Amino acid sequence: MTPAAPLPARAPARPHPAAFRTRLAAGERLLGTFIKTPTGHAIEILGGLGFDFAVVDEEHAPFDRAAVDQAVTSARAAGIAALVRVATATPSNLMSVLDCGAVGVLVPHVASAAQARAVAAACRYRGGRRGFSNSPRAGDYGGLAMWAHVDRCDAITTVVAQIEDPEALDEVEAIARVEGIDALFVGRGDLSVAMGATGSEAPEVRAAAERITAAARAAGKPVMVFTGGAADAAAMRAIGATAFVVSSDQGLLRQAAARVLDDFANIG
């Protein structure tokens, strides 16, 4: 008798994606990656493996609203929290990705407290200015009554301000204190370029990262950061980061493909 094929590996148990905001606020160690390819397949794979979240990169990848919608649908099916790094922080664009069902947004180039307040207001119903509709996916296609939809969205929507401009450092403490901003993201790449630094480990960039994390801690807010690997993540964790965006779907594919080439180089 032919032995039965082994069952596929199951992803480790993890909380529902709607709990992402609560988990982030609690300082859990969370692991995610950027999604650069406008399909849902990579997100399904990451969700199946047990990643905590994925960041759909509308800013630096070819995502339109339809592609964002598909990516968020795949994330929900795979049980992984989906955030969107928006290309623009206009109220209409923030509303669009949240209506698609994303549990949060990562907003680039937040350089002032005034901008942070505008972003927070655009993402919240109560005390904010988010345009109402319970007909998209976020409202269960009309299945949620008005105030049930409002309460659920306000409870789960995660708003992350990306600090990546030198001028933002002058207001980072005020940005961190803005009500409705849930976390700060340390944008070391843009800071490095803007400062003319040699890289993210340069002393001036390290000092900026420490100032951002200190401001977040003082305001009781968590810190997210992009990292290339575990060693760098450990160094950032030591100064207060708890959520780590590791590489991207394309970066991980490139790394895996390069290892395959190396493995086969000596076969002959």
Protein backbone atom coordinates (compact mmCIF):
# COMPACT_ATOMS: atom_id res chain seq x y z
CA MET A 1 0.00 0.00 0.00
CA THR A 2 1.31 3.40 -0.92
CA PRO A 3 1.74 5.52 2.19
CA ALA A 4 -0.46 8.56 2.42
CA ALA A 5 1.12 11.85 1.45
CA PRO A 6 2.01 14.02 4.44
CA LEU A 7 -0.39 16.77 5.27
CA PRO A 8 0.79 20.30 4.41
CA ALA A 9 2.38 22.24 7.23
CA ARG A 10 -0.04 24.46 9.10
CA ALA A 11 0.79 28.04 9.99
CA PRO A 12 1.33 28.72 13.68
CA ALA A 13 -1.81 29.85 15.46
CA ARG A 14 -2.07 33.62 15.71
CA PRO A 15 -4.75 36.15 16.65
CA HIS A 16 -7.27 37.43 14.12
CA PRO A 17 -5.93 40.20 11.84
CA ALA A 18 -8.41 42.63 13.41
CA ALA A 19 -6.33 42.34 16.61
CA PHE A 20 -3.26 43.86 14.94
CA ARG A 21 -3.76 47.31 16.48
CA THR A 22 -4.13 45.84 19.96
CA ARG A 23 -1.10 43.60 19.51
CA LEU A 24 1.00 46.49 18.23
CA ALA A 25 -0.01 48.72 21.14
CA ALA A 26 0.83 45.94 23.59
CA GLY A 27 4.40 45.80 22.30
CA GLU A 28 4.25 42.29 20.88
CA ARG A 29 7.10 41.35 18.58
CA LEU A 30 5.43 41.43 15.16
CA LEU A 31 6.93 40.35 11.85
CA GLY A 32 5.88 41.41 8.37
CA THR A 33 7.18 42.34 4.93
CA PHE A 34 6.44 44.75 2.11
CA ILE A 35 4.37 43.54 -0.83
CA LYS A 36 5.66 44.99 -4.10
CA THR A 37 4.02 42.68 -6.64
CA PRO A 38 0.39 43.56 -7.40
CA THR A 39 -1.14 40.12 -6.97
CA GLY A 40 -2.46 38.26 -3.94
CA HIS A 41 -0.21 35.21 -4.18
CA ALA A 42 2.70 36.42 -2.05
CA ILE A 43 0.35 37.52 0.73
CA GLU A 44 -1.31 34.11 0.72
CA ILE A 45 2.09 32.45 1.08
CA LEU A 46 3.15 34.75 3.91
CA GLY A 47 -0.16 34.24 5.70
CA GLY A 48 0.18 30.49 5.35
CA LEU A 49 3.65 30.61 6.86
CA GLY A 50 2.48 32.59 9.88
CA PHE A 51 3.70 36.15 9.29
CA ASP A 52 1.81 38.66 11.42
CA PHE A 53 1.26 41.33 8.77
CA ALA A 54 2.03 42.51 5.27
CA VAL A 55 2.38 46.07 4.03
CA VAL A 56 0.98 46.60 0.55
CA ASP A 57 3.33 49.20 -0.94
CA GLU A 58 1.19 51.59 -2.96
CA GLU A 59 3.94 54.23 -2.66
CA HIS A 60 6.77 52.36 -4.38
CA ALA A 61 5.02 49.64 -6.38
CA PRO A 62 2.37 49.51 -9.14
CA PHE A 63 -0.75 49.21 -7.00
CA ASP A 64 -3.95 50.86 -8.13
CA ARG A 65 -7.21 50.54 -6.21
CA ALA A 66 -8.14 47.26 -7.91
CA ALA A 67 -4.75 45.73 -7.08
CA VAL A 68 -4.98 46.94 -3.46
CA ASP A 69 -8.44 45.42 -3.26
CA GLN A 70 -7.15 42.07 -4.51
CA ALA A 71 -4.22 42.10 -2.10
CA VAL A 72 -6.43 42.87 0.89
CA THR A 73 -8.87 40.14 -0.14
CA SER A 74 -6.01 37.62 -0.22
CA ALA A 75 -4.77 38.81 3.16
CA ARG A 76 -8.17 38.32 4.73
CA ALA A 77 -8.44 34.84 3.23
CA ALA A 78 -4.98 33.93 4.56
CA GLY A 79 -5.61 35.37 8.03
CA ILE A 80 -2.80 37.93 7.89
CA ALA A 81 -3.19 41.60 8.77
CA ALA A 82 -2.90 43.90 5.74
CA LEU A 83 -1.69 47.48 6.00
CA VAL A 84 -1.22 49.78 3.01
CA ARG A 85 1.65 52.22 2.63
CA VAL A 86 -0.29 54.86 0.74
CA ALA A 87 1.09 56.75 -2.24
CA THR A 88 -0.65 59.92 -1.09
CA ALA A 89 -2.15 60.90 2.24
CA THR A 90 -5.22 62.57 0.81
CA PRO A 91 -8.44 61.84 2.71
CA SER A 92 -9.92 60.12 -0.35
CA ASN A 93 -6.96 57.75 -0.75
CA LEU A 94 -6.80 56.91 2.95
CA MET A 95 -10.54 56.22 2.93
CA SER A 96 -10.21 54.09 -0.21
CA VAL A 97 -7.70 51.59 1.18
CA LEU A 98 -9.52 51.37 4.52
CA ASP A 99 -12.83 50.78 2.74
CA CYS A 100 -11.11 47.88 0.93
CA GLY A 101 -10.65 46.28 4.34
CA ALA A 102 -7.04 47.09 5.23
CA VAL A 103 -6.56 47.09 8.99
CA GLY A 104 -4.30 50.10 8.80
CA VAL A 105 -2.21 52.56 6.85
CA LEU A 106 1.46 53.46 6.82
CA VAL A 107 1.71 57.12 5.84
CA PRO A 108 5.04 58.29 4.38
CA HIS A 109 6.72 61.64 5.03
CA VAL A 110 4.75 62.76 8.07
CA ALA A 111 6.86 65.79 8.91
CA SER A 112 4.69 67.85 11.27
CA ALA A 113 2.15 67.49 14.03
CA ALA A 114 -0.39 69.33 11.87
CA GLN A 115 0.04 66.76 9.11
CA ALA A 116 -0.24 63.93 11.64
CA ARG A 117 -3.51 65.36 12.95
CA ALA A 118 -4.90 65.60 9.41
CA VAL A 119 -3.97 61.99 8.70
CA ALA A 120 -5.49 60.74 11.94
CA ALA A 121 -8.71 62.65 11.29
CA ALA A 122 -9.04 61.21 7.77
CA CYS A 123 -8.81 57.67 9.17
CA ARG A 124 -11.29 57.99 12.07
CA TYR A 125 -15.04 58.37 12.19
CA ARG A 126 -15.62 59.53 15.78
CA GLY A 127 -13.64 62.69 16.36
CA GLY A 128 -12.41 62.58 12.77
CA ARG A 129 -13.52 63.18 9.22
CA ARG A 130 -13.48 59.80 7.51
CA GLY A 131 -16.14 59.63 4.83
CA PHE A 132 -18.86 57.17 5.77
CA SER A 133 -19.95 54.15 3.81
CA ASN A 134 -20.70 50.69 5.13
CA SER A 135 -21.20 49.26 1.63
CA PRO A 136 -17.53 48.27 0.91
CA ARG A 137 -15.75 45.24 2.33
CA ALA A 138 -14.92 47.05 5.57
CA GLY A 139 -18.64 47.29 6.31
CA ASP A 140 -19.38 43.69 5.29
CA TYR A 141 -21.00 45.02 2.12
CA GLY A 142 -23.76 46.68 4.09
CA GLY A 143 -24.05 43.87 6.61
CA LEU A 144 -22.98 46.14 9.45
CA ALA A 145 -25.35 48.82 10.68
CA MET A 146 -24.05 52.39 10.66
CA TRP A 147 -22.76 52.70 14.21
CA ALA A 148 -21.58 49.10 14.42
CA HIS A 149 -19.46 49.79 11.36
CA VAL A 150 -18.17 53.05 12.83
CA ASP A 151 -17.22 51.42 16.11
CA ARG A 152 -15.52 48.45 14.51
CA CYS A 153 -13.48 50.52 12.08
CA ASP A 154 -12.39 52.99 14.74
CA ALA A 155 -11.38 50.10 17.00
CA ILE A 156 -9.22 48.22 14.51
CA THR A 157 -7.79 50.90 12.19
CA THR A 158 -4.06 51.33 12.77
CA VAL A 159 -2.47 54.62 11.70
CA VAL A 160 1.32 54.63 11.46
CA ALA A 161 3.28 57.82 10.77
CA GLN A 162 6.52 57.28 8.87
CA ILE A 163 9.24 59.61 10.10
CA GLU A 164 11.80 59.91 7.32
CA ASP A 165 12.57 63.61 6.81
CA PRO A 166 15.17 65.57 8.79
CA GLU A 167 12.64 68.36 9.44
CA ALA A 168 10.30 65.83 11.04
CA LEU A 169 12.86 65.29 13.80
CA ASP A 170 12.17 68.81 15.07
CA GLU A 171 8.51 67.87 15.63
CA VAL A 172 8.77 64.16 16.31
CA GLU A 173 7.80 64.48 19.97
CA ALA A 174 4.67 66.43 19.02
CA ILE A 175 3.87 63.99 16.19
CA ALA A 176 4.09 61.06 18.60
CA ARG A 177 1.63 62.71 20.96
CA VAL A 178 -1.07 63.21 18.31
CA GLU A 179 -4.22 61.34 19.28
CA GLY A 180 -5.10 58.83 16.59
CA ILE A 181 -1.52 58.17 15.55
CA ASP A 182 -0.94 54.63 16.78
CA ALA A 183 2.74 54.14 16.01
CA LEU A 184 5.83 55.68 14.46
CA PHE A 185 7.81 54.07 11.66
CA VAL A 186 11.52 54.85 11.46
CA GLY A 187 12.31 55.57 7.80
CA ARG A 188 16.05 55.09 7.86
CA GLY A 189 16.42 54.83 4.08
CA ASP A 190 15.02 58.26 3.32
CA LEU A 191 16.76 59.75 6.35
CA SER A 192 20.08 58.35 5.09
CA VAL A 193 19.63 59.86 1.64
CA ALA A 194 18.40 63.20 2.99
CA MET A 195 21.32 63.42 5.40
CA GLY A 196 23.88 62.31 2.82
CA ALA A 197 24.80 59.45 5.14
CA THR A 198 26.68 56.32 4.14
CA GLY A 199 23.79 54.09 5.19
CA SER A 200 21.27 53.26 7.89
CA GLU A 201 24.03 52.44 10.38
CA ALA A 202 25.73 55.82 10.04
CA PRO A 203 26.01 57.67 13.36
CA GLU A 204 23.68 60.50 12.32
CA VAL A 205 20.99 58.07 11.18
CA ARG A 206 21.39 56.00 14.33
CA ALA A 207 20.97 59.17 16.40
CA ALA A 208 17.82 60.04 14.45
CA ALA A 209 16.42 56.55 15.02
CA GLU A 210 17.11 56.82 18.73
CA ARG A 211 15.35 60.18 18.89
CA ILE A 212 12.29 58.80 17.09
CA THR A 213 12.05 55.75 19.31
CA ALA A 214 12.55 57.88 22.43
CA ALA A 215 9.71 60.19 21.34
CA ALA A 216 7.45 57.19 20.73
CA ARG A 217 8.24 55.68 24.13
CA ALA A 218 7.56 58.98 25.89
CA ALA A 219 4.15 59.11 24.21
CA GLY A 220 3.39 55.47 24.93
CA LYS A 221 3.44 54.57 21.22
CA PRO A 222 5.10 51.52 19.59
CA VAL A 223 7.75 51.70 16.88
CA MET A 224 7.93 49.93 13.54
CA VAL A 225 11.03 49.71 11.37
CA PHE A 226 12.21 48.26 8.08
CA THR A 227 15.09 45.87 8.52
CA GLY A 228 17.25 43.68 6.35
CA GLY A 229 17.58 40.82 8.79
CA ALA A 230 17.59 39.51 12.34
CA ALA A 231 20.86 41.11 13.48
CA ASP A 232 19.72 44.60 12.49
CA ALA A 233 16.29 43.92 13.99
CA ALA A 234 17.89 42.98 17.29
CA ALA A 235 19.80 46.27 17.32
CA MET A 236 16.60 48.21 16.64
CA ARG A 237 14.70 46.21 19.22
CA ALA A 238 17.31 47.27 21.77
CA ILE A 239 16.28 50.91 21.30
CA GLY A 240 12.56 50.23 21.33
CA ALA A 241 11.28 48.83 18.02
CA THR A 242 8.79 45.98 18.30
CA ALA A 243 7.33 45.56 14.79
CA PHE A 244 9.66 44.66 11.94
CA VAL A 245 9.12 44.88 8.19
CA VAL A 246 11.68 42.46 6.76
CA SER A 247 12.59 42.92 3.10
CA SER A 248 9.73 42.47 0.58
CA ASP A 249 8.13 39.73 -1.46
CA GLN A 250 10.49 40.56 -4.31
CA GLY A 251 13.50 40.78 -1.99
CA LEU A 252 12.71 37.43 -0.42
CA LEU A 253 12.24 35.88 -3.87
CA ARG A 254 15.58 37.30 -4.99
CA GLN A 255 17.35 35.94 -1.90
CA ALA A 256 15.82 32.48 -2.31
CA ALA A 257 16.62 32.40 -6.04
CA ALA A 258 20.22 33.45 -5.38
CA ARG A 259 20.60 30.59 -2.87
CA VAL A 260 19.29 28.12 -5.45
CA LEU A 261 21.87 29.36 -7.98
CA ASP A 262 24.62 28.96 -5.38
CA ASP A 263 23.42 25.48 -4.43
CA PHE A 264 23.48 24.33 -8.05
CA ALA A 265 26.73 26.05 -9.02
CA ASN A 266 28.88 23.09 -8.02
CA ILE A 267 26.74 20.29 -9.43
CA GLY A 268 28.56 20.36 -12.75
